[in-house]
Amino acid sequence: MSLVLVEQKQPGVLWLTLNRPEIHNAFNDEVINDLLEQLDKAESDPEIRVLVLASSGKNFSAGADLNWMKSMKDASYEENIFDALQLANLLYRLNHCSKPTICRIQGAAFGGGVGLVSCCDMAVAVKSATFALSEVKIGLIPATISPYVVRAMGERNARRFFQTAETFTAERASAMRLLHEVVETEAEMDAQIQLWIDGLLANGPHAMSESKRLIGDVVARPLSEDILRCTSEWIAKVRISPEGQEGLRAFLDKRKPDWLAHTNIPGLKENP
């Protein structure tokens, strides 16, 4: 049985589905390596425009597999570092993926599962979903996921939930900005994902990738004259790029740009 299901449900959209429902989609080194392999393939494939991270069964992910954790109980300090770096590398790659990423959450998302949610660009959950950063309950800390979770939910919320290990609802997760949308049913969740996909496929692939890089760059910079120059150079570079030139020409010619020439997205209209 594949630990990660790989499927293109429509052209340009790759679904990666955690497939260990019998243990609540907890992940181990095999799952991590499978996800890394698929992320690498998606990055190098220009036909893949959007990634969706999902899970089979009732729960999104319980975090780290207990058997995997047991195997590291007697490991040395150096072995523990090597082990932790596997998950850290996956989270980094997912967070920095050049393609738009969407996370689909049902049931429980605990520990490392919250980390996966935090690394995706867009996240939607059903109202019944629950979340927890439960590491301290077993004397551990949410270390490798912390750079992404703290950025997603904010330092103030992290101070509470990292230490209390409270379970919180999808509505609270949305209020903390961990989620973008909360819906009643899985059917509504899939409809929201499709709405995002349709919008993403209509946009310039390079422009979206550059926008993502832009966000990472500007949040790390102080508001100074340096950022004025940086952002001006960035838009100038994109304007003269092949995609930027094509997009501007298409807009002025009132036609679809070439990245949409062979697509038929419902509701998408020609430029007025």
C-alpha atoms as a PDB file:
ATOM      1  CA  MET A   1       0.000   0.000   0.000  1.00  0.00           C
ATOM      2  CA  SER A   2       1.337   3.434  -0.954  1.00  0.00           C
ATOM      3  CA  LEU A   3       1.924   5.673   2.053  1.00  0.00           C
ATOM      4  CA  VAL A   4       1.354   8.746  -0.108  1.00  0.00           C
ATOM      5  CA  LEU A   5      -1.187   8.596  -2.921  1.00  0.00           C
ATOM      6  CA  VAL A   6      -0.249  10.657  -5.969  1.00  0.00           C
ATOM      7  CA  GLU A   7      -2.992  11.721  -8.351  1.00  0.00           C
ATOM      8  CA  GLN A   8      -3.704  14.356 -10.971  1.00  0.00           C
ATOM      9  CA  LYS A   9      -7.448  14.886 -10.647  1.00  0.00           C
ATOM     10  CA  GLN A  10      -7.334  17.510 -13.385  1.00  0.00           C
ATOM     11  CA  PRO A  11      -4.610  18.860 -15.673  1.00  0.00           C
ATOM     12  CA  GLY A  12      -2.019  20.883 -13.815  1.00  0.00           C
ATOM     13  CA  VAL A  13      -3.143  19.908 -10.313  1.00  0.00           C
ATOM     14  CA  LEU A  14      -1.235  17.341  -8.247  1.00  0.00           C
ATOM     15  CA  TRP A  15      -2.873  15.813  -5.165  1.00  0.00           C
ATOM     16  CA  LEU A  16      -0.601  14.290  -2.507  1.00  0.00           C
ATOM     17  CA  THR A  17      -2.705  12.286  -0.053  1.00  0.00           C
ATOM     18  CA  LEU A  18      -1.346  10.846   3.194  1.00  0.00           C
ATOM     19  CA  ASN A  19      -2.568   7.258   3.206  1.00  0.00           C
ATOM     20  CA  ARG A  20      -2.203   5.725   6.659  1.00  0.00           C
ATOM     21  CA  PRO A  21      -5.770   6.101   7.924  1.00  0.00           C
ATOM     22  CA  GLU A  22      -5.447   3.168  10.325  1.00  0.00           C
ATOM     23  CA  ILE A  23      -2.977   5.218  12.415  1.00  0.00           C
ATOM     24  CA  HIS A  24      -4.551   8.630  11.751  1.00  0.00           C
ATOM     25  CA  ASN A  25      -2.061   9.438   8.974  1.00  0.00           C
ATOM     26  CA  ALA A  26       0.847   9.715  11.390  1.00  0.00           C
ATOM     27  CA  PHE A  27       4.082  10.099   9.468  1.00  0.00           C
ATOM     28  CA  ASN A  28       7.452   8.401   9.688  1.00  0.00           C
ATOM     29  CA  ASP A  29      10.671   8.600   7.700  1.00  0.00           C
ATOM     30  CA  GLU A  30       9.117   6.685   4.789  1.00  0.00           C
ATOM     31  CA  VAL A  31       6.212   9.119   4.484  1.00  0.00           C
ATOM     32  CA  ILE A  32       8.592  12.067   4.723  1.00  0.00           C
ATOM     33  CA  ASN A  33      10.843  10.653   1.993  1.00  0.00           C
ATOM     34  CA  ASP A  34       7.838   9.939  -0.247  1.00  0.00           C
ATOM     35  CA  LEU A  35       6.574  13.504   0.157  1.00  0.00           C
ATOM     36  CA  LEU A  36      10.029  14.926  -0.532  1.00  0.00           C
ATOM     37  CA  GLU A  37      10.322  12.843  -3.690  1.00  0.00           C
ATOM     38  CA  GLN A  38       6.956  14.047  -4.969  1.00  0.00           C
ATOM     39  CA  LEU A  39       7.743  17.676  -4.134  1.00  0.00           C
ATOM     40  CA  ASP A  40      10.984  17.373  -6.110  1.00  0.00           C
ATOM     41  CA  LYS A  41       9.122  15.948  -9.103  1.00  0.00           C
ATOM     42  CA  ALA A  42       6.470  18.663  -8.942  1.00  0.00           C
ATOM     43  CA  GLU A  43       9.082  21.423  -8.753  1.00  0.00           C
ATOM     44  CA  SER A  44      10.787  20.191 -11.909  1.00  0.00           C
ATOM     45  CA  ASP A  45       7.569  19.597 -13.875  1.00  0.00           C
ATOM     46  CA  PRO A  46       6.282  22.776 -15.573  1.00  0.00           C
ATOM     47  CA  GLU A  47       2.955  21.060 -16.256  1.00  0.00           C
ATOM     48  CA  ILE A  48       2.214  20.941 -12.509  1.00  0.00           C
ATOM     49  CA  ARG A  49       0.729  24.289 -11.524  1.00  0.00           C
ATOM     50  CA  VAL A  50      -0.918  23.604  -8.138  1.00  0.00           C
ATOM     51  CA  LEU A  51      -0.319  21.123  -5.278  1.00  0.00           C
ATOM     52  CA  VAL A  52      -3.007  19.915  -2.885  1.00  0.00           C
ATOM     53  CA  LEU A  53      -2.005  18.184   0.357  1.00  0.00           C
ATOM     54  CA  ALA A  54      -4.762  15.959   1.748  1.00  0.00           C
ATOM     55  CA  SER A  55      -5.261  12.773   3.756  1.00  0.00           C
ATOM     56  CA  SER A  56      -7.419   9.669   3.594  1.00  0.00           C
ATOM     57  CA  GLY A  57      -9.776   8.540   6.343  1.00  0.00           C
ATOM     58  CA  LYS A  58     -11.241  10.469   9.252  1.00  0.00           C
ATOM     59  CA  ASN A  59      -8.187  12.466  10.356  1.00  0.00           C
ATOM     60  CA  PHE A  60      -5.707  14.738   8.630  1.00  0.00           C
ATOM     61  CA  SER A  61      -2.629  13.744  10.648  1.00  0.00           C
ATOM     62  CA  ALA A  62      -1.787  12.816  14.226  1.00  0.00           C
ATOM     63  CA  GLY A  63       1.784  14.014  13.689  1.00  0.00           C
ATOM     64  CA  ALA A  64       4.756  11.727  14.214  1.00  0.00           C
ATOM     65  CA  ASP A  65       4.280   7.951  14.200  1.00  0.00           C
ATOM     66  CA  LEU A  66       4.672   6.549  17.739  1.00  0.00           C
ATOM     67  CA  ASN A  67       6.716   3.595  16.479  1.00  0.00           C
ATOM     68  CA  TRP A  68       9.050   6.012  14.717  1.00  0.00           C
ATOM     69  CA  MET A  69       9.391   7.982  17.941  1.00  0.00           C
ATOM     70  CA  LYS A  70      10.074   4.778  19.909  1.00  0.00           C
ATOM     71  CA  SER A  71      12.889   3.880  17.543  1.00  0.00           C
ATOM     72  CA  MET A  72      14.625   7.146  18.450  1.00  0.00           C
ATOM     73  CA  LYS A  73      14.175   6.807  22.224  1.00  0.00           C
ATOM     74  CA  ASP A  74      17.653   5.391  22.763  1.00  0.00           C
ATOM     75  CA  ALA A  75      19.341   7.204  19.884  1.00  0.00           C
ATOM     76  CA  SER A  76      22.344   9.457  20.435  1.00  0.00           C
ATOM     77  CA  TYR A  77      22.267  13.244  20.229  1.00  0.00           C
ATOM     78  CA  GLU A  78      23.771  13.148  16.721  1.00  0.00           C
ATOM     79  CA  GLU A  79      21.278  10.503  15.583  1.00  0.00           C
ATOM     80  CA  ASN A  80      18.422  12.609  16.937  1.00  0.00           C
ATOM     81  CA  ILE A  81      19.655  15.624  14.990  1.00  0.00           C
ATOM     82  CA  PHE A  82      19.814  13.589  11.773  1.00  0.00           C
ATOM     83  CA  ASP A  83      16.305  12.259  12.405  1.00  0.00           C
ATOM     84  CA  ALA A  84      14.817  15.689  13.161  1.00  0.00           C
ATOM     85  CA  LEU A  85      16.427  17.148  10.051  1.00  0.00           C
ATOM     86  CA  GLN A  86      14.334  14.827   7.867  1.00  0.00           C
ATOM     87  CA  LEU A  87      11.097  16.471   8.975  1.00  0.00           C
ATOM     88  CA  ALA A  88      12.724  19.908   9.070  1.00  0.00           C
ATOM     89  CA  ASN A  89      13.781  19.473   5.443  1.00  0.00           C
ATOM     90  CA  LEU A  90      10.272  18.434   4.370  1.00  0.00           C
ATOM     91  CA  LEU A  91       8.698  21.434   6.096  1.00  0.00           C
ATOM     92  CA  TYR A  92      11.245  23.795   4.548  1.00  0.00           C
ATOM     93  CA  ARG A  93      10.691  22.410   1.064  1.00  0.00           C
ATOM     94  CA  LEU A  94       6.908  22.519   1.398  1.00  0.00           C
ATOM     95  CA  ASN A  95       7.009  26.069   2.733  1.00  0.00           C
ATOM     96  CA  HIS A  96       9.309  27.205  -0.083  1.00  0.00           C
ATOM     97  CA  CYS A  97       7.635  25.248  -2.890  1.00  0.00           C
ATOM     98  CA  SER A  98       7.498  27.480  -5.959  1.00  0.00           C
ATOM     99  CA  LYS A  99       4.005  26.215  -6.831  1.00  0.00           C
ATOM    100  CA  PRO A 100       0.856  27.277  -4.927  1.00  0.00           C
ATOM    101  CA  THR A 101       0.020  24.764  -2.186  1.00  0.00           C
ATOM    102  CA  ILE A 102      -3.398  24.025  -0.684  1.00  0.00           C
ATOM    103  CA  CYS A 103      -4.060  22.036   2.490  1.00  0.00           C
ATOM    104  CA  ARG A 104      -7.303  20.090   3.005  1.00  0.00           C
ATOM    105  CA  ILE A 105      -8.019  19.282   6.673  1.00  0.00           C
ATOM    106  CA  GLN A 106     -10.603  16.978   8.219  1.00  0.00           C
ATOM    107  CA  GLY A 107     -10.663  15.420  11.676  1.00  0.00           C
ATOM    108  CA  ALA A 108      -7.593  15.847  13.864  1.00  0.00           C
ATOM    109  CA  ALA A 109      -4.440  17.745  12.944  1.00  0.00           C
ATOM    110  CA  PHE A 110      -2.015  17.366  15.839  1.00  0.00           C
ATOM    111  CA  GLY A 111       1.662  18.185  16.330  1.00  0.00           C
ATOM    112  CA  GLY A 112       3.501  17.813  13.045  1.00  0.00           C
ATOM    113  CA  GLY A 113       0.143  17.828  11.277  1.00  0.00           C
ATOM    114  CA  VAL A 114      -0.249  21.476  12.303  1.00  0.00           C
ATOM    115  CA  GLY A 115       3.222  22.038  10.873  1.00  0.00           C
ATOM    116  CA  LEU A 116       2.131  20.731   7.473  1.00  0.00           C
ATOM    117  CA  VAL A 117      -0.925  23.006   7.545  1.00  0.00           C
ATOM    118  CA  SER A 118       1.248  26.014   8.419  1.00  0.00           C
ATOM    119  CA  CYS A 119       3.608  25.412   5.487  1.00  0.00           C
ATOM    120  CA  CYS A 120       0.865  25.487   2.848  1.00  0.00           C
ATOM    121  CA  ASP A 121      -0.179  28.717   1.145  1.00  0.00           C
ATOM    122  CA  MET A 122      -3.901  28.121   1.603  1.00  0.00           C
ATOM    123  CA  ALA A 123      -5.713  25.980   4.156  1.00  0.00           C
ATOM    124  CA  VAL A 124      -9.348  24.966   4.467  1.00  0.00           C
ATOM    125  CA  ALA A 125     -10.913  22.729   7.112  1.00  0.00           C
ATOM    126  CA  VAL A 126     -14.310  21.376   8.013  1.00  0.00           C
ATOM    127  CA  LYS A 127     -15.873  22.940  11.092  1.00  0.00           C
ATOM    128  CA  SER A 128     -15.524  19.678  13.036  1.00  0.00           C
ATOM    129  CA  ALA A 129     -11.720  19.575  12.607  1.00  0.00           C
ATOM    130  CA  THR A 130      -9.573  19.899  15.722  1.00  0.00           C
ATOM    131  CA  PHE A 131      -6.005  21.029  16.252  1.00  0.00           C
ATOM    132  CA  ALA A 132      -3.376  20.661  18.968  1.00  0.00           C
ATOM    133  CA  LEU A 133       0.300  21.262  19.578  1.00  0.00           C
ATOM    134  CA  SER A 134       0.564  18.404  22.014  1.00  0.00           C
ATOM    135  CA  GLU A 135       4.318  17.748  22.180  1.00  0.00           C
ATOM    136  CA  VAL A 136       4.772  19.008  25.756  1.00  0.00           C
ATOM    137  CA  LYS A 137       2.352  16.342  27.001  1.00  0.00           C
ATOM    138  CA  ILE A 138       5.094  13.780  26.415  1.00  0.00           C
ATOM    139  CA  GLY A 139       7.961  16.018  27.466  1.00  0.00           C
ATOM    140  CA  LEU A 140       8.913  17.205  23.976  1.00  0.00           C
ATOM    141  CA  ILE A 141       8.685  20.509  22.102  1.00  0.00           C
ATOM    142  CA  PRO A 142       7.312  21.463  18.654  1.00  0.00           C
ATOM    143  CA  ALA A 143      10.775  22.491  17.500  1.00  0.00           C
ATOM    144  CA  THR A 144      11.014  21.714  13.781  1.00  0.00           C
ATOM    145  CA  ILE A 145       7.495  22.979  13.061  1.00  0.00           C
ATOM    146  CA  SER A 146       7.872  26.141  15.159  1.00  0.00           C
ATOM    147  CA  PRO A 147       9.235  28.520  12.460  1.00  0.00           C
ATOM    148  CA  TYR A 148       6.138  27.917  10.359  1.00  0.00           C
ATOM    149  CA  VAL A 149       3.494  27.573  13.071  1.00  0.00           C
ATOM    150  CA  VAL A 150       4.593  30.752  14.858  1.00  0.00           C
ATOM    151  CA  ARG A 151       4.496  32.669  11.573  1.00  0.00           C
ATOM    152  CA  ALA A 152       1.032  31.284  10.842  1.00  0.00           C
ATOM    153  CA  MET A 153      -0.680  31.736  14.228  1.00  0.00           C
ATOM    154  CA  GLY A 154       1.483  34.507  15.701  1.00  0.00           C
ATOM    155  CA  GLU A 155       3.799  34.607  18.691  1.00  0.00           C
ATOM    156  CA  ARG A 156       1.075  35.468  21.195  1.00  0.00           C
ATOM    157  CA  ASN A 157      -1.061  32.451  20.305  1.00  0.00           C
ATOM    158  CA  ALA A 158       1.998  30.196  20.130  1.00  0.00           C
ATOM    159  CA  ARG A 159       2.958  31.166  23.688  1.00  0.00           C
ATOM    160  CA  ARG A 160      -0.375  29.779  24.845  1.00  0.00           C
ATOM    161  CA  PHE A 161      -0.864  26.686  22.728  1.00  0.00           C
ATOM    162  CA  PHE A 162       2.757  25.488  22.687  1.00  0.00           C
ATOM    163  CA  GLN A 163       2.647  25.332  26.494  1.00  0.00           C
ATOM    164  CA  THR A 164      -0.929  24.302  27.301  1.00  0.00           C
ATOM    165  CA  ALA A 165      -1.250  21.662  24.548  1.00  0.00           C
ATOM    166  CA  GLU A 166      -4.954  22.534  24.457  1.00  0.00           C
ATOM    167  CA  THR A 167      -7.077  21.185  21.653  1.00  0.00           C
ATOM    168  CA  PHE A 168      -8.656  24.012  19.665  1.00  0.00           C
ATOM    169  CA  THR A 169     -11.396  24.180  17.061  1.00  0.00           C
ATOM    170  CA  ALA A 170     -11.256  25.003  13.375  1.00  0.00           C
ATOM    171  CA  GLU A 171     -13.040  28.289  14.090  1.00  0.00           C
ATOM    172  CA  ARG A 172     -10.349  29.291  16.591  1.00  0.00           C
ATOM    173  CA  ALA A 173      -7.662  28.172  14.124  1.00  0.00           C
ATOM    174  CA  SER A 174      -9.252  30.480  11.570  1.00  0.00           C
ATOM    175  CA  ALA A 175      -9.368  33.358  14.052  1.00  0.00           C
ATOM    176  CA  MET A 176      -5.627  32.821  14.641  1.00  0.00           C
ATOM    177  CA  ARG A 177      -5.069  32.832  10.850  1.00  0.00           C
ATOM    178  CA  LEU A 178      -3.874  29.244  10.740  1.00  0.00           C
ATOM    179  CA  LEU A 179      -6.797  28.558   8.369  1.00  0.00           C
ATOM    180  CA  HIS A 180      -8.196  30.666   5.556  1.00  0.00           C
ATOM    181  CA  GLU A 181     -11.622  29.047   5.333  1.00  0.00           C
ATOM    182  CA  VAL A 182     -13.840  26.874   7.542  1.00  0.00           C
ATOM    183  CA  VAL A 183     -16.794  25.043   5.986  1.00  0.00           C
ATOM    184  CA  GLU A 184     -19.510  22.709   7.209  1.00  0.00           C
ATOM    185  CA  THR A 185     -18.930  19.627   5.044  1.00  0.00           C
ATOM    186  CA  GLU A 186     -16.193  17.890   3.075  1.00  0.00           C
ATOM    187  CA  ALA A 187     -18.172  18.542  -0.104  1.00  0.00           C
ATOM    188  CA  GLU A 188     -18.020  22.270   0.645  1.00  0.00           C
ATOM    189  CA  MET A 189     -14.320  21.912   1.387  1.00  0.00           C
ATOM    190  CA  ASP A 190     -13.708  20.360  -2.029  1.00  0.00           C
ATOM    191  CA  ALA A 191     -15.771  23.121  -3.643  1.00  0.00           C
ATOM    192  CA  GLN A 192     -13.616  25.759  -1.939  1.00  0.00           C
ATOM    193  CA  ILE A 193     -10.447  23.994  -3.081  1.00  0.00           C
ATOM    194  CA  GLN A 194     -11.739  23.894  -6.647  1.00  0.00           C
ATOM    195  CA  LEU A 195     -12.541  27.607  -6.458  1.00  0.00           C
ATOM    196  CA  TRP A 196      -8.946  28.308  -5.444  1.00  0.00           C
ATOM    197  CA  ILE A 197      -7.601  25.982  -8.135  1.00  0.00           C
ATOM    198  CA  ASP A 198      -9.617  27.703 -10.859  1.00  0.00           C
ATOM    199  CA  GLY A 199      -8.288  31.078  -9.797  1.00  0.00           C
ATOM    200  CA  LEU A 200      -4.693  29.862  -9.535  1.00  0.00           C
ATOM    201  CA  LEU A 201      -4.722  28.206 -12.948  1.00  0.00           C
ATOM    202  CA  ALA A 202      -5.872  31.494 -14.457  1.00  0.00           C
ATOM    203  CA  ASN A 203      -2.791  33.336 -13.190  1.00  0.00           C
ATOM    204  CA  GLY A 204       0.734  33.562 -14.537  1.00  0.00           C
ATOM    205  CA  PRO A 205       2.779  30.664 -13.070  1.00  0.00           C
ATOM    206  CA  HIS A 206       6.000  32.667 -12.874  1.00  0.00           C
ATOM    207  CA  ALA A 207       4.198  35.677 -11.404  1.00  0.00           C
ATOM    208  CA  MET A 208       2.729  33.542  -8.614  1.00  0.00           C
ATOM    209  CA  SER A 209       6.110  32.011  -7.866  1.00  0.00           C
ATOM    210  CA  GLU A 210       7.743  35.435  -7.761  1.00  0.00           C
ATOM    211  CA  SER A 211       4.923  36.771  -5.559  1.00  0.00           C
ATOM    212  CA  LYS A 212       5.614  33.985  -3.095  1.00  0.00           C
ATOM    213  CA  ARG A 213       9.329  34.807  -3.051  1.00  0.00           C
ATOM    214  CA  LEU A 214       8.484  38.491  -2.697  1.00  0.00           C
ATOM    215  CA  ILE A 215       6.467  37.848   0.466  1.00  0.00           C
ATOM    216  CA  GLY A 216       9.323  35.926   2.047  1.00  0.00           C
ATOM    217  CA  ASP A 217      11.739  38.709   1.190  1.00  0.00           C
ATOM    218  CA  VAL A 218       9.758  41.754   2.310  1.00  0.00           C
ATOM    219  CA  VAL A 219       8.659  40.338   5.672  1.00  0.00           C
ATOM    220  CA  ALA A 220      12.318  39.867   6.582  1.00  0.00           C
ATOM    221  CA  ARG A 221      13.268  43.467   5.713  1.00  0.00           C
ATOM    222  CA  PRO A 222      12.782  46.691   7.687  1.00  0.00           C
ATOM    223  CA  LEU A 223      10.799  49.491   6.049  1.00  0.00           C
ATOM    224  CA  SER A 224      13.704  51.487   4.695  1.00  0.00           C
ATOM    225  CA  GLU A 225      14.950  53.034   1.472  1.00  0.00           C
ATOM    226  CA  ASP A 226      16.583  49.703   0.697  1.00  0.00           C
ATOM    227  CA  ILE A 227      13.192  48.031   0.342  1.00  0.00           C
ATOM    228  CA  LEU A 228      12.065  50.754  -2.082  1.00  0.00           C
ATOM    229  CA  ARG A 229      14.920  49.857  -4.405  1.00  0.00           C
ATOM    230  CA  CYS A 230      14.457  46.123  -3.918  1.00  0.00           C
ATOM    231  CA  THR A 231      10.743  46.081  -4.763  1.00  0.00           C
ATOM    232  CA  SER A 232      11.194  48.460  -7.701  1.00  0.00           C
ATOM    233  CA  GLU A 233      13.883  46.212  -9.158  1.00  0.00           C
ATOM    234  CA  TRP A 234      11.654  43.192  -8.603  1.00  0.00           C
ATOM    235  CA  ILE A 235       8.659  44.548 -10.535  1.00  0.00           C
ATOM    236  CA  ALA A 236      10.962  45.839 -13.290  1.00  0.00           C
ATOM    237  CA  LYS A 237      12.460  42.368 -13.672  1.00  0.00           C
ATOM    238  CA  VAL A 238       9.022  40.750 -13.851  1.00  0.00           C
ATOM    239  CA  ARG A 239       7.656  43.340 -16.313  1.00  0.00           C
ATOM    240  CA  ILE A 240      10.378  42.573 -18.851  1.00  0.00           C
ATOM    241  CA  SER A 241      10.206  38.793 -18.336  1.00  0.00           C
ATOM    242  CA  PRO A 242       8.615  36.680 -21.111  1.00  0.00           C
ATOM    243  CA  GLU A 243       5.558  35.973 -18.961  1.00  0.00           C
ATOM    244  CA  GLY A 244       5.188  39.602 -17.920  1.00  0.00           C
ATOM    245  CA  GLN A 245       5.396  40.766 -21.530  1.00  0.00           C
ATOM    246  CA  GLU A 246       2.899  38.143 -22.677  1.00  0.00           C
ATOM    247  CA  GLY A 247       0.476  39.028 -19.894  1.00  0.00           C
ATOM    248  CA  LEU A 248       0.566  42.730 -20.725  1.00  0.00           C
ATOM    249  CA  ARG A 249       0.153  42.081 -24.459  1.00  0.00           C
ATOM    250  CA  ALA A 250      -2.777  39.740 -23.837  1.00  0.00           C
ATOM    251  CA  PHE A 251      -4.486  42.289 -21.601  1.00  0.00           C
ATOM    252  CA  LEU A 252      -4.085  45.056 -24.184  1.00  0.00           C
ATOM    253  CA  ASP A 253      -5.165  42.738 -27.031  1.00  0.00           C
ATOM    254  CA  LYS A 254      -8.198  41.561 -25.002  1.00  0.00           C
ATOM    255  CA  ARG A 255      -7.273  37.895 -25.324  1.00  0.00           C
ATOM    256  CA  LYS A 256      -6.203  35.060 -23.050  1.00  0.00           C
ATOM    257  CA  PRO A 257      -2.478  34.902 -22.259  1.00  0.00           C
ATOM    258  CA  ASP A 258      -0.625  31.913 -23.613  1.00  0.00           C
ATOM    259  CA  TRP A 259      -0.649  30.061 -20.277  1.00  0.00           C
ATOM    260  CA  LEU A 260      -4.436  29.877 -20.708  1.00  0.00           C
ATOM    261  CA  ALA A 261      -4.491  29.141 -24.421  1.00  0.00           C
ATOM    262  CA  HIS A 262      -5.331  25.464 -23.955  1.00  0.00           C
ATOM    263  CA  THR A 263      -7.410  25.660 -20.796  1.00  0.00           C
ATOM    264  CA  ASN A 264     -11.127  25.923 -20.277  1.00  0.00           C
ATOM    265  CA  ILE A 265     -11.742  27.041 -16.719  1.00  0.00           C
ATOM    266  CA  PRO A 266     -15.441  27.427 -15.846  1.00  0.00           C
ATOM    267  CA  GLY A 267     -16.376  31.052 -15.287  1.00  0.00           C
ATOM    268  CA  LEU A 268     -13.188  32.432 -16.830  1.00  0.00           C
ATOM    269  CA  LYS A 269     -13.910  35.139 -19.363  1.00  0.00           C
ATOM    270  CA  GLU A 270     -11.840  36.980 -21.886  1.00  0.00           C
ATOM    271  CA  ASN A 271     -10.559  40.402 -20.867  1.00  0.00           C
ATOM    272  CA  PRO A 272     -13.329  42.991 -21.346  1.00  0.00           C
END
